[in-house]
Amino acid sequence: MSHFKHHVFFCCNQRAAGEACCASHGAAELRAYAKDRVKALGLNGPNKVRINHAGCLDRCDQGPVMVIYPEAIWYTYIDQADIDEIIDSHLCQGHPVERLKI
């Protein structure tokens, strides 16, 4: 059995200037936002949700990206509204956000 119901990994990889990477799209800031929002909703902790920083997830051309396990659903996102939709729909209600899936 998994320690978390959902384990969310945000790619926060930084590449050399000019190369596509999630860090250049504000991934670290949006990961921090997601972590704070999950905590505010009381969704964090064992048997709940864990938000993690990840190195390169090798999908920079589709970035910024995150992946949610155990479903192995990959998302791209642009802003806090997208993060809110993923949290509200996928993490809270169990419904993946089709428009953001990659």
N, C-alpha and C. Protein backbone atom coordinates (compact mmCIF):
# COMPACT_ATOMS: atom_id res chain seq x y z
N MET A 1 0.84 -1.18 0.00
CA MET A 1 0.00 0.00 0.00
C MET A 1 0.89 1.24 0.00
N SER A 2 0.48 2.22 -0.76
CA SER A 2 1.22 3.47 -0.87
C SER A 2 1.08 4.29 0.41
N HIS A 3 2.11 5.04 0.72
CA HIS A 3 2.08 5.92 1.89
C HIS A 3 1.20 7.14 1.65
N PHE A 4 1.02 7.51 0.36
CA PHE A 4 0.18 8.65 -0.01
C PHE A 4 -0.90 8.21 -0.99
N LYS A 5 -2.06 8.83 -0.89
CA LYS A 5 -3.12 8.56 -1.86
C LYS A 5 -2.71 9.10 -3.23
N HIS A 6 -2.13 10.30 -3.22
CA HIS A 6 -1.62 10.92 -4.45
C HIS A 6 -0.24 11.48 -4.17
N HIS A 7 0.69 11.19 -5.06
CA HIS A 7 2.05 11.72 -4.96
C HIS A 7 2.27 12.56 -6.21
N VAL A 8 2.46 13.87 -6.02
CA VAL A 8 2.54 14.83 -7.12
C VAL A 8 3.98 15.31 -7.27
N PHE A 9 4.53 15.13 -8.46
CA PHE A 9 5.90 15.57 -8.74
C PHE A 9 5.87 16.71 -9.75
N PHE A 10 6.43 17.86 -9.36
CA PHE A 10 6.59 19.01 -10.23
C PHE A 10 8.01 19.03 -10.76
N CYS A 11 8.18 18.99 -12.06
CA CYS A 11 9.51 19.17 -12.63
C CYS A 11 9.92 20.62 -12.41
N CYS A 12 11.05 20.82 -11.79
CA CYS A 12 11.58 22.16 -11.53
C CYS A 12 12.99 22.28 -12.10
N ASN A 13 13.28 21.50 -13.11
CA ASN A 13 14.62 21.45 -13.69
C ASN A 13 14.98 22.79 -14.35
N GLN A 14 16.23 23.21 -14.13
CA GLN A 14 16.77 24.41 -14.76
C GLN A 14 17.85 23.99 -15.74
N ARG A 15 17.69 24.35 -17.00
CA ARG A 15 18.69 24.08 -18.03
C ARG A 15 19.43 25.36 -18.38
N ALA A 16 20.44 25.23 -19.20
CA ALA A 16 21.22 26.38 -19.63
C ALA A 16 20.32 27.41 -20.31
N ALA A 17 20.72 28.65 -20.26
CA ALA A 17 19.95 29.75 -20.86
C ALA A 17 19.58 29.43 -22.30
N GLY A 18 18.33 29.66 -22.63
CA GLY A 18 17.86 29.42 -23.98
C GLY A 18 17.29 28.04 -24.23
N GLU A 19 17.57 27.08 -23.36
CA GLU A 19 17.03 25.73 -23.53
C GLU A 19 15.68 25.62 -22.82
N ALA A 20 14.76 24.90 -23.43
CA ALA A 20 13.44 24.70 -22.83
C ALA A 20 13.58 23.97 -21.50
N CYS A 21 12.91 24.50 -20.48
CA CYS A 21 12.91 23.84 -19.17
C CYS A 21 11.73 24.33 -18.35
N CYS A 22 11.31 23.52 -17.42
CA CYS A 22 10.16 23.85 -16.59
C CYS A 22 10.44 25.04 -15.67
N ALA A 23 11.67 25.16 -15.20
CA ALA A 23 12.01 26.25 -14.29
C ALA A 23 11.78 27.61 -14.94
N SER A 24 12.01 27.71 -16.23
CA SER A 24 11.83 29.00 -16.90
C SER A 24 10.36 29.38 -17.07
N HIS A 25 9.47 28.46 -16.72
CA HIS A 25 8.02 28.72 -16.78
C HIS A 25 7.41 28.89 -15.39
N GLY A 26 8.24 29.13 -14.38
CA GLY A 26 7.72 29.37 -13.04
C GLY A 26 7.32 28.13 -12.28
N ALA A 27 7.89 26.98 -12.62
CA ALA A 27 7.49 25.71 -12.00
C ALA A 27 7.69 25.71 -10.49
N ALA A 28 8.81 26.25 -10.00
CA ALA A 28 9.08 26.21 -8.56
C ALA A 28 8.05 27.04 -7.79
N GLU A 29 7.69 28.18 -8.33
CA GLU A 29 6.70 29.04 -7.67
C GLU A 29 5.32 28.37 -7.66
N LEU A 30 4.95 27.74 -8.76
CA LEU A 30 3.65 27.08 -8.82
C LEU A 30 3.63 25.80 -7.98
N ARG A 31 4.76 25.13 -7.84
CA ARG A 31 4.83 23.99 -6.93
C ARG A 31 4.62 24.47 -5.49
N ALA A 32 5.27 25.56 -5.12
CA ALA A 32 5.09 26.12 -3.77
C ALA A 32 3.64 26.51 -3.55
N TYR A 33 3.02 27.10 -4.56
CA TYR A 33 1.60 27.46 -4.46
C TYR A 33 0.75 26.21 -4.23
N ALA A 34 1.00 25.15 -5.01
CA ALA A 34 0.23 23.91 -4.87
C ALA A 34 0.42 23.32 -3.49
N LYS A 35 1.65 23.32 -3.01
CA LYS A 35 1.94 22.77 -1.68
C LYS A 35 1.17 23.54 -0.60
N ASP A 36 1.20 24.85 -0.68
CA ASP A 36 0.47 25.68 0.29
C ASP A 36 -1.03 25.46 0.20
N ARG A 37 -1.56 25.36 -1.02
CA ARG A 37 -3.01 25.17 -1.18
C ARG A 37 -3.46 23.80 -0.67
N VAL A 38 -2.69 22.76 -0.96
CA VAL A 38 -3.01 21.42 -0.47
C VAL A 38 -3.01 21.41 1.05
N LYS A 39 -2.03 22.08 1.64
CA LYS A 39 -1.95 22.16 3.10
C LYS A 39 -3.14 22.93 3.67
N ALA A 40 -3.49 24.05 3.05
CA ALA A 40 -4.63 24.86 3.51
C ALA A 40 -5.94 24.09 3.44
N LEU A 41 -6.05 23.20 2.48
CA LEU A 41 -7.26 22.38 2.34
C LEU A 41 -7.26 21.15 3.25
N GLY A 42 -6.15 20.94 3.97
CA GLY A 42 -6.05 19.78 4.86
C GLY A 42 -5.85 18.48 4.11
N LEU A 43 -5.30 18.56 2.90
CA LEU A 43 -5.12 17.37 2.08
C LEU A 43 -3.74 16.75 2.20
N ASN A 44 -2.83 17.39 2.92
CA ASN A 44 -1.45 16.90 3.01
C ASN A 44 -1.28 15.88 4.12
N GLY A 45 -0.27 15.03 3.97
CA GLY A 45 0.07 14.07 5.01
C GLY A 45 -0.13 12.64 4.58
N PRO A 46 0.24 11.72 5.46
CA PRO A 46 0.09 10.29 5.17
C PRO A 46 -1.34 9.93 4.77
N ASN A 47 -1.45 9.07 3.79
CA ASN A 47 -2.72 8.62 3.23
C ASN A 47 -3.49 9.73 2.52
N LYS A 48 -2.80 10.84 2.28
CA LYS A 48 -3.43 11.96 1.58
C LYS A 48 -2.57 12.35 0.39
N VAL A 49 -2.14 13.60 0.31
CA VAL A 49 -1.41 14.12 -0.85
C VAL A 49 -0.02 14.58 -0.44
N ARG A 50 0.94 14.31 -1.29
CA ARG A 50 2.31 14.80 -1.10
C ARG A 50 2.72 15.53 -2.36
N ILE A 51 3.16 16.78 -2.22
CA ILE A 51 3.66 17.59 -3.32
C ILE A 51 5.18 17.58 -3.25
N ASN A 52 5.84 17.18 -4.34
CA ASN A 52 7.30 17.09 -4.35
C ASN A 52 7.92 17.86 -5.51
N HIS A 53 9.12 18.33 -5.26
CA HIS A 53 10.00 18.93 -6.27
C HIS A 53 10.70 17.78 -6.98
N ALA A 54 10.80 17.85 -8.28
CA ALA A 54 11.53 16.82 -9.03
C ALA A 54 12.54 17.48 -9.95
N GLY A 55 13.59 16.74 -10.23
CA GLY A 55 14.53 17.17 -11.25
C GLY A 55 13.90 16.94 -12.61
N CYS A 56 14.70 16.84 -13.62
CA CYS A 56 14.18 16.72 -14.98
C CYS A 56 13.31 15.46 -15.13
N LEU A 57 12.11 15.67 -15.65
CA LEU A 57 11.20 14.57 -15.95
C LEU A 57 11.19 14.26 -17.45
N ASP A 58 12.09 14.92 -18.19
CA ASP A 58 12.35 14.64 -19.60
C ASP A 58 11.17 14.91 -20.52
N ARG A 59 10.38 15.93 -20.18
CA ARG A 59 9.28 16.35 -21.06
C ARG A 59 9.28 17.87 -21.18
N CYS A 60 10.47 18.44 -21.24
CA CYS A 60 10.64 19.89 -21.23
C CYS A 60 9.90 20.58 -22.37
N ASP A 61 9.80 19.92 -23.52
CA ASP A 61 9.12 20.53 -24.66
C ASP A 61 7.62 20.70 -24.42
N GLN A 62 7.09 20.07 -23.39
CA GLN A 62 5.67 20.17 -23.06
C GLN A 62 5.46 20.91 -21.74
N GLY A 63 6.51 21.52 -21.24
CA GLY A 63 6.50 22.10 -19.90
C GLY A 63 5.84 23.43 -19.77
N PRO A 64 5.59 23.78 -18.53
CA PRO A 64 5.99 23.04 -17.34
C PRO A 64 5.11 21.80 -17.17
N VAL A 65 5.67 20.78 -16.52
CA VAL A 65 4.94 19.53 -16.35
C VAL A 65 4.93 19.07 -14.89
N MET A 66 3.92 18.27 -14.60
CA MET A 66 3.81 17.56 -13.33
C MET A 66 3.26 16.19 -13.64
N VAL A 67 3.47 15.25 -12.72
CA VAL A 67 2.89 13.92 -12.87
C VAL A 67 2.32 13.53 -11.51
N ILE A 68 1.14 12.92 -11.55
CA ILE A 68 0.46 12.49 -10.32
C ILE A 68 0.38 10.97 -10.31
N TYR A 69 0.92 10.39 -9.25
CA TYR A 69 0.86 8.95 -9.03
C TYR A 69 -0.10 8.66 -7.89
N PRO A 70 -0.76 7.52 -7.87
CA PRO A 70 -0.42 6.30 -8.60
C PRO A 70 -1.01 6.23 -10.01
N GLU A 71 -1.80 7.21 -10.43
CA GLU A 71 -2.44 7.13 -11.74
C GLU A 71 -1.48 7.34 -12.90
N ALA A 72 -0.32 7.94 -12.64
CA ALA A 72 0.66 8.27 -13.68
C ALA A 72 0.04 9.17 -14.74
N ILE A 73 -0.67 10.19 -14.27
CA ILE A 73 -1.27 11.17 -15.18
C ILE A 73 -0.37 12.39 -15.23
N TRP A 74 0.01 12.76 -16.45
CA TRP A 74 0.89 13.89 -16.70
C TRP A 74 0.06 15.11 -17.08
N TYR A 75 0.46 16.25 -16.52
CA TYR A 75 -0.22 17.51 -16.82
C TYR A 75 0.80 18.57 -17.22
N THR A 76 0.32 19.51 -18.02
CA THR A 76 0.99 20.77 -18.19
C THR A 76 0.07 21.82 -17.56
N TYR A 77 0.61 22.98 -17.28
CA TYR A 77 -0.16 24.03 -16.61
C TYR A 77 0.48 25.37 -16.93
N ILE A 78 -0.29 26.43 -16.74
CA ILE A 78 0.19 27.77 -17.04
C ILE A 78 0.24 28.66 -15.80
N ASP A 79 -0.80 28.55 -14.96
CA ASP A 79 -0.93 29.51 -13.87
C ASP A 79 -1.62 28.88 -12.66
N GLN A 80 -1.88 29.71 -11.65
CA GLN A 80 -2.52 29.22 -10.43
C GLN A 80 -3.91 28.67 -10.69
N ALA A 81 -4.61 29.22 -11.66
CA ALA A 81 -5.95 28.71 -11.98
C ALA A 81 -5.88 27.26 -12.46
N ASP A 82 -4.87 26.93 -13.25
CA ASP A 82 -4.69 25.54 -13.70
C ASP A 82 -4.36 24.63 -12.52
N ILE A 83 -3.50 25.10 -11.63
CA ILE A 83 -3.15 24.31 -10.43
C ILE A 83 -4.39 24.10 -9.58
N ASP A 84 -5.19 25.15 -9.39
CA ASP A 84 -6.43 25.02 -8.61
C ASP A 84 -7.36 23.98 -9.23
N GLU A 85 -7.47 24.00 -10.56
CA GLU A 85 -8.35 23.04 -11.24
C GLU A 85 -7.86 21.61 -11.04
N ILE A 86 -6.56 21.40 -11.13
CA ILE A 86 -6.00 20.06 -10.92
C ILE A 86 -6.24 19.60 -9.48
N ILE A 87 -6.02 20.48 -8.53
CA ILE A 87 -6.24 20.12 -7.12
C ILE A 87 -7.71 19.83 -6.89
N ASP A 88 -8.58 20.74 -7.32
CA ASP A 88 -10.01 20.58 -7.05
C ASP A 88 -10.62 19.37 -7.76
N SER A 89 -10.26 19.18 -9.02
CA SER A 89 -10.87 18.11 -9.79
C SER A 89 -10.18 16.76 -9.56
N HIS A 90 -8.88 16.72 -9.75
CA HIS A 90 -8.17 15.43 -9.67
C HIS A 90 -7.93 14.99 -8.23
N LEU A 91 -7.31 15.85 -7.44
CA LEU A 91 -6.93 15.43 -6.08
C LEU A 91 -8.11 15.36 -5.12
N CYS A 92 -9.07 16.26 -5.27
CA CYS A 92 -10.22 16.25 -4.35
C CYS A 92 -11.35 15.34 -4.81
N GLN A 93 -11.64 15.35 -6.12
CA GLN A 93 -12.81 14.63 -6.62
C GLN A 93 -12.48 13.37 -7.41
N GLY A 94 -11.18 13.16 -7.72
CA GLY A 94 -10.80 11.97 -8.46
C GLY A 94 -11.07 12.02 -9.94
N HIS A 95 -11.27 13.24 -10.48
CA HIS A 95 -11.55 13.41 -11.90
C HIS A 95 -10.38 14.11 -12.58
N PRO A 96 -9.60 13.40 -13.40
CA PRO A 96 -8.50 14.05 -14.10
C PRO A 96 -9.00 15.21 -14.96
N VAL A 97 -8.14 16.19 -15.16
CA VAL A 97 -8.47 17.38 -15.94
C VAL A 97 -8.00 17.12 -17.37
N GLU A 98 -8.92 16.74 -18.21
CA GLU A 98 -8.60 16.31 -19.58
C GLU A 98 -7.88 17.39 -20.37
N ARG A 99 -8.29 18.63 -20.24
CA ARG A 99 -7.72 19.70 -21.07
C ARG A 99 -6.24 19.98 -20.75
N LEU A 100 -5.77 19.57 -19.58
CA LEU A 100 -4.39 19.81 -19.19
C LEU A 100 -3.50 18.57 -19.29
N LYS A 101 -4.10 17.42 -19.61
CA LYS A 101 -3.31 16.19 -19.71
C LYS A 101 -2.38 16.22 -20.92
N ILE A 102 -1.20 15.61 -20.74
CA ILE A 102 -0.29 15.45 -21.87
C ILE A 102 0.05 13.97 -21.99
